[in-house]
Amino acid sequence: TVYLQMNSLKPEDTAVYSCAASDLGGLRRQLRDYRYW
């Protein structure tokens, strides 16, 4: 399980939040690196 703790929330944070997994290895920081959603 992966968690996202969100504090001090602002109206601009309103969105649909999605998690994703990458099999490319390491720390992946770009949307295009993720295979599973």
Full PDB file with SEQRES, HELIX, SHEET, SSBOND, CRYST1, ORIGX, SCALE, CONECT and MASTER records, all heavy atoms in Angstrom:
SEQRES   1 A   37  THR VAL TYR LEU GLN MET ASN SER LEU LYS PRO GLU ASP          
SEQRES   2 A   37  THR ALA VAL TYR SER CYS ALA ALA SER ASP LEU GLY GLY          
SEQRES   3 A   37  LEU ARG ARG GLN LEU ARG ASP TYR ARG TYR TRP                  
HELIX    1 AA1 PRO A   11  ASP A   13  5                                   3    
HELIX    2 AA2 LEU A   31  ASP A   33  5                                   3    
CRYST1    1.000    1.000    1.000  90.00  90.00  90.00 P 1           1          
ORIGX1      1.000000  0.000000  0.000000        0.00000                         
ORIGX2      0.000000  1.000000  0.000000        0.00000                         
ORIGX3      0.000000  0.000000  1.000000        0.00000                         
SCALE1      1.000000  0.000000  0.000000        0.00000                         
SCALE2      0.000000  1.000000  0.000000        0.00000                         
SCALE3      0.000000  0.000000  1.000000        0.00000                         
ATOM      1  N   THR A   1       0.825  -1.196   0.000  1.00  0.00           N  
ATOM      2  CA  THR A   1       0.000   0.000   0.000  1.00  0.00           C  
ATOM      3  C   THR A   1       0.864   1.253   0.000  1.00  0.00           C  
ATOM      4  O   THR A   1       1.873   1.321   0.709  1.00  0.00           O  
ATOM      5  CB  THR A   1      -0.943   0.016   1.219  1.00  0.00           C  
ATOM      6  OG1 THR A   1      -1.799  -1.132   1.169  1.00  0.00           O  
ATOM      7  CG2 THR A   1      -1.806   1.266   1.223  1.00  0.00           C  
ATOM      8  N   VAL A   2       0.451   2.229  -0.794  1.00  0.00           N  
ATOM      9  CA  VAL A   2       1.078   3.542  -0.835  1.00  0.00           C  
ATOM     10  C   VAL A   2       0.076   4.566  -0.311  1.00  0.00           C  
ATOM     11  O   VAL A   2      -1.120   4.480  -0.601  1.00  0.00           O  
ATOM     12  CB  VAL A   2       1.518   3.902  -2.261  1.00  0.00           C  
ATOM     13  CG1 VAL A   2       2.108   5.304  -2.305  1.00  0.00           C  
ATOM     14  CG2 VAL A   2       2.537   2.895  -2.770  1.00  0.00           C  
ATOM     15  N   TYR A   3       0.561   5.536   0.448  1.00  0.00           N  
ATOM     16  CA  TYR A   3      -0.289   6.554   1.045  1.00  0.00           C  
ATOM     17  C   TYR A   3       0.117   7.941   0.554  1.00  0.00           C  
ATOM     18  O   TYR A   3       1.275   8.185   0.210  1.00  0.00           O  
ATOM     19  CB  TYR A   3      -0.191   6.530   2.569  1.00  0.00           C  
ATOM     20  CG  TYR A   3      -0.537   5.198   3.183  1.00  0.00           C  
ATOM     21  CD1 TYR A   3       0.456   4.291   3.519  1.00  0.00           C  
ATOM     22  CD2 TYR A   3      -1.855   4.846   3.421  1.00  0.00           C  
ATOM     23  CE1 TYR A   3       0.149   3.068   4.083  1.00  0.00           C  
ATOM     24  CE2 TYR A   3      -2.177   3.625   3.984  1.00  0.00           C  
ATOM     25  CZ  TYR A   3      -1.173   2.740   4.313  1.00  0.00           C  
ATOM     26  OH  TYR A   3      -1.488   1.525   4.869  1.00  0.00           O  
ATOM     27  N   LEU A   4      -0.852   8.838   0.544  1.00  0.00           N  
ATOM     28  CA  LEU A   4      -0.585  10.247   0.315  1.00  0.00           C  
ATOM     29  C   LEU A   4      -1.279  11.035   1.417  1.00  0.00           C  
ATOM     30  O   LEU A   4      -2.503  11.169   1.412  1.00  0.00           O  
ATOM     31  CB  LEU A   4      -1.077  10.701  -1.059  1.00  0.00           C  
ATOM     32  CG  LEU A   4      -0.704  12.135  -1.438  1.00  0.00           C  
ATOM     33  CD1 LEU A   4       0.810  12.263  -1.630  1.00  0.00           C  
ATOM     34  CD2 LEU A   4      -1.436  12.577  -2.698  1.00  0.00           C  
ATOM     35  N   GLN A   5      -0.492  11.516   2.375  1.00  0.00           N  
ATOM     36  CA  GLN A   5      -1.011  12.363   3.435  1.00  0.00           C  
ATOM     37  C   GLN A   5      -1.041  13.796   2.937  1.00  0.00           C  
ATOM     38  O   GLN A   5      -0.003  14.344   2.557  1.00  0.00           O  
ATOM     39  CB  GLN A   5      -0.134  12.250   4.681  1.00  0.00           C  
ATOM     40  CG  GLN A   5      -0.575  13.129   5.840  1.00  0.00           C  
ATOM     41  CD  GLN A   5      -1.902  12.707   6.415  1.00  0.00           C  
ATOM     42  OE1 GLN A   5      -2.130  11.528   6.656  1.00  0.00           O  
ATOM     43  NE2 GLN A   5      -2.793  13.663   6.624  1.00  0.00           N  
ATOM     44  N   MET A   6      -2.218  14.410   2.940  1.00  0.00           N  
ATOM     45  CA  MET A   6      -2.406  15.752   2.416  1.00  0.00           C  
ATOM     46  C   MET A   6      -2.831  16.668   3.553  1.00  0.00           C  
ATOM     47  O   MET A   6      -3.910  16.493   4.129  1.00  0.00           O  
ATOM     48  CB  MET A   6      -3.449  15.754   1.299  1.00  0.00           C  
ATOM     49  CG  MET A   6      -3.144  14.771   0.177  1.00  0.00           C  
ATOM     50  SD  MET A   6      -4.334  14.880  -1.189  1.00  0.00           S  
ATOM     51  CE  MET A   6      -5.825  14.355  -0.342  1.00  0.00           C  
ATOM     52  N   ASN A   7      -1.993  17.637   3.878  1.00  0.00           N  
ATOM     53  CA  ASN A   7      -2.263  18.606   4.926  1.00  0.00           C  
ATOM     54  C   ASN A   7      -2.385  20.001   4.339  1.00  0.00           C  
ATOM     55  O   ASN A   7      -1.949  20.263   3.217  1.00  0.00           O  
ATOM     56  CB  ASN A   7      -1.148  18.584   5.977  1.00  0.00           C  
ATOM     57  CG  ASN A   7      -1.017  17.256   6.679  1.00  0.00           C  
ATOM     58  OD1 ASN A   7      -2.001  16.550   6.896  1.00  0.00           O  
ATOM     59  ND2 ASN A   7       0.210  16.913   7.066  1.00  0.00           N  
ATOM     60  N   SER A   8      -2.957  20.906   5.121  1.00  0.00           N  
ATOM     61  CA  SER A   8      -3.120  22.301   4.705  1.00  0.00           C  
ATOM     62  C   SER A   8      -3.735  22.399   3.317  1.00  0.00           C  
ATOM     63  O   SER A   8      -3.253  23.134   2.451  1.00  0.00           O  
ATOM     64  CB  SER A   8      -1.767  23.022   4.748  1.00  0.00           C  
ATOM     65  OG  SER A   8      -1.209  22.977   6.047  1.00  0.00           O  
ATOM     66  N   LEU A   9      -4.805  21.678   3.112  1.00  0.00           N  
ATOM     67  CA  LEU A   9      -5.416  21.593   1.792  1.00  0.00           C  
ATOM     68  C   LEU A   9      -6.002  22.932   1.360  1.00  0.00           C  
ATOM     69  O   LEU A   9      -6.528  23.690   2.176  1.00  0.00           O  
ATOM     70  CB  LEU A   9      -6.494  20.519   1.775  1.00  0.00           C  
ATOM     71  CG  LEU A   9      -5.949  19.087   1.697  1.00  0.00           C  
ATOM     72  CD1 LEU A   9      -7.015  18.082   2.108  1.00  0.00           C  
ATOM     73  CD2 LEU A   9      -5.453  18.792   0.284  1.00  0.00           C  
ATOM     74  N   LYS A  10      -5.895  23.189   0.062  1.00  0.00           N  
ATOM     75  CA  LYS A  10      -6.390  24.408  -0.553  1.00  0.00           C  
ATOM     76  C   LYS A  10      -7.438  24.058  -1.598  1.00  0.00           C  
ATOM     77  O   LYS A  10      -7.422  22.959  -2.145  1.00  0.00           O  
ATOM     78  CB  LYS A  10      -5.243  25.162  -1.228  1.00  0.00           C  
ATOM     79  CG  LYS A  10      -4.045  25.438  -0.339  1.00  0.00           C  
ATOM     80  CD  LYS A  10      -2.905  26.022  -1.160  1.00  0.00           C  
ATOM     81  CE  LYS A  10      -1.691  26.283  -0.297  1.00  0.00           C  
ATOM     82  NZ  LYS A  10      -0.567  26.822  -1.104  1.00  0.00           N  
ATOM     83  N   PRO A  11      -8.341  24.989  -1.921  1.00  0.00           N  
ATOM     84  CA  PRO A  11      -9.311  24.711  -2.988  1.00  0.00           C  
ATOM     85  C   PRO A  11      -8.660  24.298  -4.300  1.00  0.00           C  
ATOM     86  O   PRO A  11      -9.228  23.486  -5.039  1.00  0.00           O  
ATOM     87  CB  PRO A  11     -10.061  26.038  -3.123  1.00  0.00           C  
ATOM     88  CG  PRO A  11     -10.002  26.629  -1.756  1.00  0.00           C  
ATOM     89  CD  PRO A  11      -8.639  26.264  -1.235  1.00  0.00           C  
ATOM     90  N   GLU A  12      -7.481  24.810  -4.598  1.00  0.00           N  
ATOM     91  CA  GLU A  12      -6.783  24.454  -5.823  1.00  0.00           C  
ATOM     92  C   GLU A  12      -6.303  23.014  -5.839  1.00  0.00           C  
ATOM     93  O   GLU A  12      -5.872  22.520  -6.886  1.00  0.00           O  
ATOM     94  CB  GLU A  12      -5.594  25.395  -6.056  1.00  0.00           C  
ATOM     95  CG  GLU A  12      -4.513  25.296  -4.996  1.00  0.00           C  
ATOM     96  CD  GLU A  12      -3.533  26.456  -5.044  1.00  0.00           C  
ATOM     97  OE1 GLU A  12      -3.942  27.587  -4.695  1.00  0.00           O  
ATOM     98  OE2 GLU A  12      -2.369  26.236  -5.437  1.00  0.00           O  
ATOM     99  N   ASP A  13      -6.358  22.320  -4.696  1.00  0.00           N  
ATOM    100  CA  ASP A  13      -6.018  20.904  -4.642  1.00  0.00           C  
ATOM    101  C   ASP A  13      -7.169  20.012  -5.096  1.00  0.00           C  
ATOM    102  O   ASP A  13      -6.984  18.799  -5.215  1.00  0.00           O  
ATOM    103  CB  ASP A  13      -5.612  20.495  -3.225  1.00  0.00           C  
ATOM    104  CG  ASP A  13      -4.336  21.160  -2.758  1.00  0.00           C  
ATOM    105  OD1 ASP A  13      -3.380  21.252  -3.561  1.00  0.00           O  
ATOM    106  OD2 ASP A  13      -4.283  21.586  -1.584  1.00  0.00           O  
ATOM    107  N   THR A  14      -8.338  20.588  -5.328  1.00  0.00           N  
ATOM    108  CA  THR A  14      -9.491  19.817  -5.777  1.00  0.00           C  
ATOM    109  C   THR A  14      -9.181  19.139  -7.102  1.00  0.00           C  
ATOM    110  O   THR A  14      -8.800  19.792  -8.076  1.00  0.00           O  
ATOM    111  CB  THR A  14     -10.721  20.713  -5.918  1.00  0.00           C  
ATOM    112  OG1 THR A  14     -11.093  21.216  -4.631  1.00  0.00           O  
ATOM    113  CG2 THR A  14     -11.892  19.947  -6.509  1.00  0.00           C  
ATOM    114  N   ALA A  15      -9.332  17.818  -7.145  1.00  0.00           N  
ATOM    115  CA  ALA A  15      -8.991  17.046  -8.338  1.00  0.00           C  
ATOM    116  C   ALA A  15      -9.338  15.585  -8.100  1.00  0.00           C  
ATOM    117  O   ALA A  15      -9.640  15.175  -6.979  1.00  0.00           O  
ATOM    118  CB  ALA A  15      -7.497  17.174  -8.664  1.00  0.00           C  
ATOM    119  N   VAL A  16      -9.281  14.816  -9.167  1.00  0.00           N  
ATOM    120  CA  VAL A  16      -9.298  13.366  -9.063  1.00  0.00           C  
ATOM    121  C   VAL A  16      -7.850  12.906  -8.919  1.00  0.00           C  
ATOM    122  O   VAL A  16      -7.011  13.202  -9.774  1.00  0.00           O  
ATOM    123  CB  VAL A  16      -9.957  12.705 -10.286  1.00  0.00           C  
ATOM    124  CG1 VAL A  16      -9.827  11.186 -10.202  1.00  0.00           C  
ATOM    125  CG2 VAL A  16     -11.421  13.103 -10.382  1.00  0.00           C  
ATOM    126  N   TYR A  17      -7.564  12.206  -7.838  1.00  0.00           N  
ATOM    127  CA  TYR A  17      -6.215  11.738  -7.544  1.00  0.00           C  
ATOM    128  C   TYR A  17      -6.090  10.270  -7.923  1.00  0.00           C  
ATOM    129  O   TYR A  17      -6.915   9.448  -7.532  1.00  0.00           O  
ATOM    130  CB  TYR A  17      -5.892  11.920  -6.068  1.00  0.00           C  
ATOM    131  CG  TYR A  17      -5.603  13.351  -5.693  1.00  0.00           C  
ATOM    132  CD1 TYR A  17      -6.625  14.287  -5.642  1.00  0.00           C  
ATOM    133  CD2 TYR A  17      -4.308  13.766  -5.396  1.00  0.00           C  
ATOM    134  CE1 TYR A  17      -6.365  15.611  -5.317  1.00  0.00           C  
ATOM    135  CE2 TYR A  17      -4.040  15.084  -5.064  1.00  0.00           C  
ATOM    136  CZ  TYR A  17      -5.070  16.000  -5.024  1.00  0.00           C  
ATOM    137  OH  TYR A  17      -4.799  17.308  -4.694  1.00  0.00           O  
ATOM    138  N   SER A  18      -5.034   9.945  -8.665  1.00  0.00           N  
ATOM    139  CA  SER A  18      -4.796   8.587  -9.131  1.00  0.00           C  
ATOM    140  C   SER A  18      -3.412   8.125  -8.713  1.00  0.00           C  
ATOM    141  O   SER A  18      -2.451   8.903  -8.739  1.00  0.00           O  
ATOM    142  CB  SER A  18      -4.907   8.505 -10.657  1.00  0.00           C  
ATOM    143  OG  SER A  18      -6.182   8.926 -11.108  1.00  0.00           O  
ATOM    144  N   CYS A  19      -3.305   6.862  -8.320  1.00  0.00           N  
ATOM    145  CA  CYS A  19      -1.997   6.288  -8.054  1.00  0.00           C  
ATOM    146  C   CYS A  19      -1.534   5.493  -9.263  1.00  0.00           C  
ATOM    147  O   CYS A  19      -2.329   5.094 -10.115  1.00  0.00           O  
ATOM    148  CB  CYS A  19      -2.005   5.419  -6.787  1.00  0.00           C  
ATOM    149  SG  CYS A  19      -2.976   3.911  -6.899  1.00  0.00           S  
ATOM    150  N   ALA A  20      -0.229   5.268  -9.337  1.00  0.00           N  
ATOM    151  CA  ALA A  20       0.353   4.589 -10.483  1.00  0.00           C  
ATOM    152  C   ALA A  20       1.610   3.850 -10.063  1.00  0.00           C  
ATOM    153  O   ALA A  20       2.262   4.214  -9.076  1.00  0.00           O  
ATOM    154  CB  ALA A  20       0.676   5.587 -11.605  1.00  0.00           C  
ATOM    155  N   ALA A  21       1.945   2.818 -10.818  1.00  0.00           N  
ATOM    156  CA  ALA A  21       3.142   2.018 -10.586  1.00  0.00           C  
ATOM    157  C   ALA A  21       3.976   1.968 -11.854  1.00  0.00           C  
ATOM    158  O   ALA A  21       3.436   1.830 -12.959  1.00  0.00           O  
ATOM    159  CB  ALA A  21       2.773   0.607 -10.146  1.00  0.00           C  
ATOM    160  N   SER A  22       5.291   2.075 -11.678  1.00  0.00           N  
ATOM    161  CA  SER A  22       6.234   2.015 -12.786  1.00  0.00           C  
ATOM    162  C   SER A  22       7.156   0.824 -12.613  1.00  0.00           C  
ATOM    163  O   SER A  22       7.665   0.579 -11.515  1.00  0.00           O  
ATOM    164  CB  SER A  22       7.061   3.301 -12.850  1.00  0.00           C  
ATOM    165  OG  SER A  22       8.101   3.193 -13.803  1.00  0.00           O  
ATOM    166  N   ASP A  23       7.387   0.099 -13.693  1.00  0.00           N  
ATOM    167  CA  ASP A  23       8.318  -1.029 -13.663  1.00  0.00           C  
ATOM    168  C   ASP A  23       9.680  -0.676 -14.255  1.00  0.00           C  
ATOM    169  O   ASP A  23      10.477  -1.569 -14.542  1.00  0.00           O  
ATOM    170  CB  ASP A  23       7.727  -2.246 -14.375  1.00  0.00           C  
ATOM    171  CG  ASP A  23       7.326  -1.964 -15.813  1.00  0.00           C  
ATOM    172  OD1 ASP A  23       7.557  -0.847 -16.299  1.00  0.00           O  
ATOM    173  OD2 ASP A  23       6.788  -2.883 -16.452  1.00  0.00           O  
ATOM    174  N   LEU A  24       9.951   0.606 -14.421  1.00  0.00           N  
ATOM    175  CA  LEU A  24      11.213   1.048 -15.003  1.00  0.00           C  
ATOM    176  C   LEU A  24      12.349   1.098 -13.994  1.00  0.00           C  
ATOM    177  O   LEU A  24      13.516   1.170 -14.390  1.00  0.00           O  
ATOM    178  CB  LEU A  24      11.049   2.417 -15.654  1.00  0.00           C  
ATOM    179  CG  LEU A  24      10.085   2.481 -16.831  1.00  0.00           C  
ATOM    180  CD1 LEU A  24       9.987   3.908 -17.352  1.00  0.00           C  
ATOM    181  CD2 LEU A  24      10.533   1.538 -17.936  1.00  0.00           C  
ATOM    182  N   GLY A  25      12.026   1.074 -12.704  1.00  0.00           N  
ATOM    183  CA  GLY A  25      13.043   1.067 -11.671  1.00  0.00           C  
ATOM    184  C   GLY A  25      13.376   2.451 -11.152  1.00  0.00           C  
ATOM    185  O   GLY A  25      13.319   3.443 -11.890  1.00  0.00           O  
ATOM    186  N   GLY A  26      13.688   2.521  -9.873  1.00  0.00           N  
ATOM    187  CA  GLY A  26      14.105   3.764  -9.262  1.00  0.00           C  
ATOM    188  C   GLY A  26      12.962   4.720  -8.991  1.00  0.00           C  
ATOM    189  O   GLY A  26      11.794   4.345  -8.981  1.00  0.00           O  
ATOM    190  N   LEU A  27      13.311   5.978  -8.788  1.00  0.00           N  
ATOM    191  CA  LEU A  27      12.346   7.030  -8.509  1.00  0.00           C  
ATOM    192  C   LEU A  27      11.892   7.627  -9.827  1.00  0.00           C  
ATOM    193  O   LEU A  27      12.672   8.250 -10.544  1.00  0.00           O  
ATOM    194  CB  LEU A  27      12.983   8.089  -7.616  1.00  0.00           C  
ATOM    195  CG  LEU A  27      12.078   9.169  -7.044  1.00  0.00           C  
ATOM    196  CD1 LEU A  27      11.085   8.562  -6.060  1.00  0.00           C  
ATOM    197  CD2 LEU A  27      12.910  10.244  -6.360  1.00  0.00           C  
ATOM    198  N   ARG A  28      10.605   7.455 -10.156  1.00  0.00           N  
ATOM    199  CA  ARG A  28      10.059   7.913 -11.435  1.00  0.00           C  
ATOM    200  C   ARG A  28       9.239   9.166 -11.206  1.00  0.00           C  
ATOM    201  O   ARG A  28       8.286   9.168 -10.418  1.00  0.00           O  
ATOM    202  CB  ARG A  28       9.212   6.828 -12.085  1.00  0.00           C  
ATOM    203  CG  ARG A  28       9.847   5.423 -12.097  1.00  0.00           C  
ATOM    204  CD  ARG A  28      11.271   5.409 -12.617  1.00  0.00           C  
ATOM    205  NE  ARG A  28      11.419   5.948 -13.961  1.00  0.00           N  
ATOM    206  CZ  ARG A  28      12.526   5.882 -14.681  1.00  0.00           C  
ATOM    207  NH1 ARG A  28      13.603   5.292 -14.171  1.00  0.00           N  
ATOM    208  NH2 ARG A  28      12.564   6.415 -15.890  1.00  0.00           N  
ATOM    209  N   ARG A  29       9.576  10.230 -11.913  1.00  0.00           N  
ATOM    210  CA  ARG A  29       9.016  11.547 -11.652  1.00  0.00           C  
ATOM    211  C   ARG A  29       8.207  12.104 -12.818  1.00  0.00           C  
ATOM    212  O   ARG A  29       7.833  13.279 -12.783  1.00  0.00           O  
ATOM    213  CB  ARG A  29      10.128  12.528 -11.297  1.00  0.00           C  
ATOM    214  CG  ARG A  29      11.080  11.989 -10.223  1.00  0.00           C  
ATOM    215  CD  ARG A  29      12.007  13.052  -9.702  1.00  0.00           C  
ATOM    216  NE  ARG A  29      12.835  13.627 -10.745  1.00  0.00           N  
ATOM    217  CZ  ARG A  29      13.695  14.618 -10.563  1.00  0.00           C  
ATOM    218  NH1 ARG A  29      13.834  15.140  -9.339  1.00  0.00           N  
ATOM    219  NH2 ARG A  29      14.405  15.092 -11.571  1.00  0.00           N  
ATOM    220  N   GLN A  30       7.917  11.285 -13.825  1.00  0.00           N  
ATOM    221  CA  GLN A  30       7.182  11.745 -14.993  1.00  0.00           C  
ATOM    222  C   GLN A  30       6.013  10.810 -15.281  1.00  0.00           C  
ATOM    223  O   GLN A  30       6.124   9.598 -15.119  1.00  0.00           O  
ATOM    224  CB  GLN A  30       8.086  11.813 -16.223  1.00  0.00           C  
ATOM    225  CG  GLN A  30       9.290  12.707 -16.052  1.00  0.00           C  
ATOM    226  CD  GLN A  30      10.178  12.686 -17.268  1.00  0.00           C  
ATOM    227  OE1 GLN A  30       9.859  13.300 -18.289  1.00  0.00           O  
ATOM    228  NE2 GLN A  30      11.285  11.970 -17.178  1.00  0.00           N  
ATOM    229  N   LEU A  31       4.894  11.375 -15.717  1.00  0.00           N  
ATOM    230  CA  LEU A  31       3.702  10.589 -16.002  1.00  0.00           C  
ATOM    231  C   LEU A  31       3.973   9.482 -17.006  1.00  0.00           C  
ATOM    232  O   LEU A  31       3.455   8.371 -16.869  1.00  0.00           O  
ATOM    233  CB  LEU A  31       2.582  11.497 -16.520  1.00  0.00           C  
ATOM    234  CG  LEU A  31       1.961  12.455 -15.506  1.00  0.00           C  
ATOM    235  CD1 LEU A  31       1.030  13.425 -16.210  1.00  0.00           C  
ATOM    236  CD2 LEU A  31       1.204  11.680 -14.430  1.00  0.00           C  
ATOM    237  N   ARG A  32       4.775   9.773 -18.016  1.00  0.00           N  
ATOM    238  CA  ARG A  32       5.026   8.809 -19.078  1.00  0.00           C  
ATOM    239  C   ARG A  32       5.831   7.601 -18.625  1.00  0.00           C  
ATOM    240  O   ARG A  32       5.933   6.622 -19.359  1.00  0.00           O  
ATOM    241  CB  ARG A  32       5.729   9.481 -20.257  1.00  0.00           C  
ATOM    242  CG  ARG A  32       7.081  10.091 -19.920  1.00  0.00           C  
ATOM    243  CD  ARG A  32       7.718  10.662 -21.179  1.00  0.00           C  
ATOM    244  NE  ARG A  32       8.927  11.416 -20.893  1.00  0.00           N  
ATOM    245  CZ  ARG A  32       8.965  12.723 -20.696  1.00  0.00           C  
ATOM    246  NH1 ARG A  32       7.847  13.432 -20.744  1.00  0.00           N  
ATOM    247  NH2 ARG A  32      10.118  13.327 -20.447  1.00  0.00           N  
ATOM    248  N   ASP A  33       6.406   7.628 -17.422  1.00  0.00           N  
ATOM    249  CA  ASP A  33       7.162   6.504 -16.901  1.00  0.00           C  
ATOM    250  C   ASP A  33       6.285   5.425 -16.284  1.00  0.00           C  
ATOM    251  O   ASP A  33       6.780   4.341 -15.968  1.00  0.00           O  
ATOM    252  CB  ASP A  33       8.164   6.971 -15.842  1.00  0.00           C  
ATOM    253  CG  ASP A  33       9.287   7.803 -16.419  1.00  0.00           C  
ATOM    254  OD1 ASP A  33       9.565   7.687 -17.628  1.00  0.00           O  
ATOM    255  OD2 ASP A  33       9.903   8.573 -15.656  1.00  0.00           O  
ATOM    256  N   TYR A  34       4.994   5.703 -16.101  1.00  0.00           N  
ATOM    257  CA  TYR A  34       4.112   4.804 -15.363  1.00  0.00           C  
ATOM    258  C   TYR A  34       3.279   3.937 -16.287  1.00  0.00           C  
ATOM    259  O   TYR A  34       2.642   4.428 -17.229  1.00  0.00           O  
ATOM    260  CB  TYR A  34       3.224   5.601 -14.409  1.00  0.00           C  
ATOM    261  CG  TYR A  34       4.007   6.127 -13.240  1.00  0.00           C  
ATOM    262  CD1 TYR A  34       4.700   7.322 -13.331  1.00  0.00           C  
ATOM    263  CD2 TYR A  34       4.086   5.399 -12.056  1.00  0.00           C  
ATOM    264  CE1 TYR A  34       5.459   7.781 -12.263  1.00  0.00           C  
ATOM    265  CE2 TYR A  34       4.835   5.857 -10.996  1.00  0.00           C  
ATOM    266  CZ  TYR A  34       5.521   7.047 -11.104  1.00  0.00           C  
ATOM    267  OH  TYR A  34       6.270   7.504 -10.047  1.00  0.00           O  
ATOM    268  N   ARG A  35       3.276   2.651 -15.989  1.00  0.00           N  
ATOM    269  CA  ARG A  35       2.582   1.658 -16.810  1.00  0.00           C  
ATOM    270  C   ARG A  35       1.219   1.279 -16.236  1.00  0.00           C  
ATOM    271  O   ARG A  35       0.268   1.043 -16.995  1.00  0.00           O  
ATOM    272  CB  ARG A  35       3.462   0.410 -16.933  1.00  0.00           C  
ATOM    273  CG  ARG A  35       2.880  -0.715 -17.762  1.00  0.00           C  
ATOM    274  CD  ARG A  35       3.865  -1.877 -17.848  1.00  0.00           C  
ATOM    275  NE  ARG A  35       3.351  -2.986 -18.635  1.00  0.00           N  
ATOM    276  CZ  ARG A  35       3.490  -3.093 -19.941  1.00  0.00           C  
ATOM    277  NH1 ARG A  35       4.127  -2.154 -20.631  1.00  0.00           N  
ATOM    278  NH2 ARG A  35       2.987  -4.140 -20.579  1.00  0.00           N  
ATOM    279  N   TYR A  36       1.099   1.195 -14.906  1.00  0.00           N  
ATOM    280  CA  TYR A  36      -0.115   0.721 -14.248  1.00  0.00           C  
ATOM    281  C   TYR A  36      -0.786   1.857 -13.499  1.00  0.00           C  
ATOM    282  O   TYR A  36      -0.130   2.615 -12.782  1.00  0.00           O  
ATOM    283  CB  TYR A  36       0.212  -0.428 -13.288  1.00  0.00           C  
ATOM    284  CG  TYR A  36       0.988  -1.542 -13.941  1.00  0.00           C  
ATOM    285  CD1 TYR A  36       2.357  -1.689 -13.711  1.00  0.00           C  
ATOM    286  CD2 TYR A  36       0.365  -2.436 -14.800  1.00  0.00           C  
ATOM    287  CE1 TYR A  36       3.074  -2.708 -14.320  1.00  0.00           C  
ATOM    288  CE2 TYR A  36       1.084  -3.454 -15.413  1.00  0.00           C  
ATOM    289  CZ  TYR A  36       2.428  -3.580 -15.170  1.00  0.00           C  
ATOM    290  OH  TYR A  36       3.141  -4.589 -15.779  1.00  0.00           O  
ATOM    291  N   TRP A  37      -2.107   1.947 -13.644  1.00  0.00           N  
ATOM    292  CA  TRP A  37      -2.881   3.061 -13.092  1.00  0.00           C  
ATOM    293  C   TRP A  37      -4.117   2.592 -12.357  1.00  0.00           C  
ATOM    294  O   TRP A  37      -4.757   1.619 -12.763  1.00  0.00           O  
ATOM    295  CB  TRP A  37      -3.307   4.019 -14.202  1.00  0.00           C  
ATOM    296  CG  TRP A  37      -2.167   4.768 -14.804  1.00  0.00           C  
ATOM    297  CD1 TRP A  37      -1.302   4.317 -15.758  1.00  0.00           C  
ATOM    298  CD2 TRP A  37      -1.764   6.094 -14.495  1.00  0.00           C  
ATOM    299  NE1 TRP A  37      -0.379   5.286 -16.059  1.00  0.00           N  
ATOM    300  CE2 TRP A  37      -0.641   6.395 -15.303  1.00  0.00           C  
ATOM    301  CE3 TRP A  37      -2.245   7.071 -13.630  1.00  0.00           C  
ATOM    302  CZ2 TRP A  37       0.006   7.625 -15.251  1.00  0.00           C  
ATOM    303  CZ3 TRP A  37      -1.606   8.295 -13.574  1.00  0.00           C  
ATOM    304  CH2 TRP A  37      -0.489   8.557 -14.381  1.00  0.00           C  
TER     305      TRP A  37                                                      
MASTER        0    0    0    2    0    0    0    6  304    1    0    3          
END                                                                             
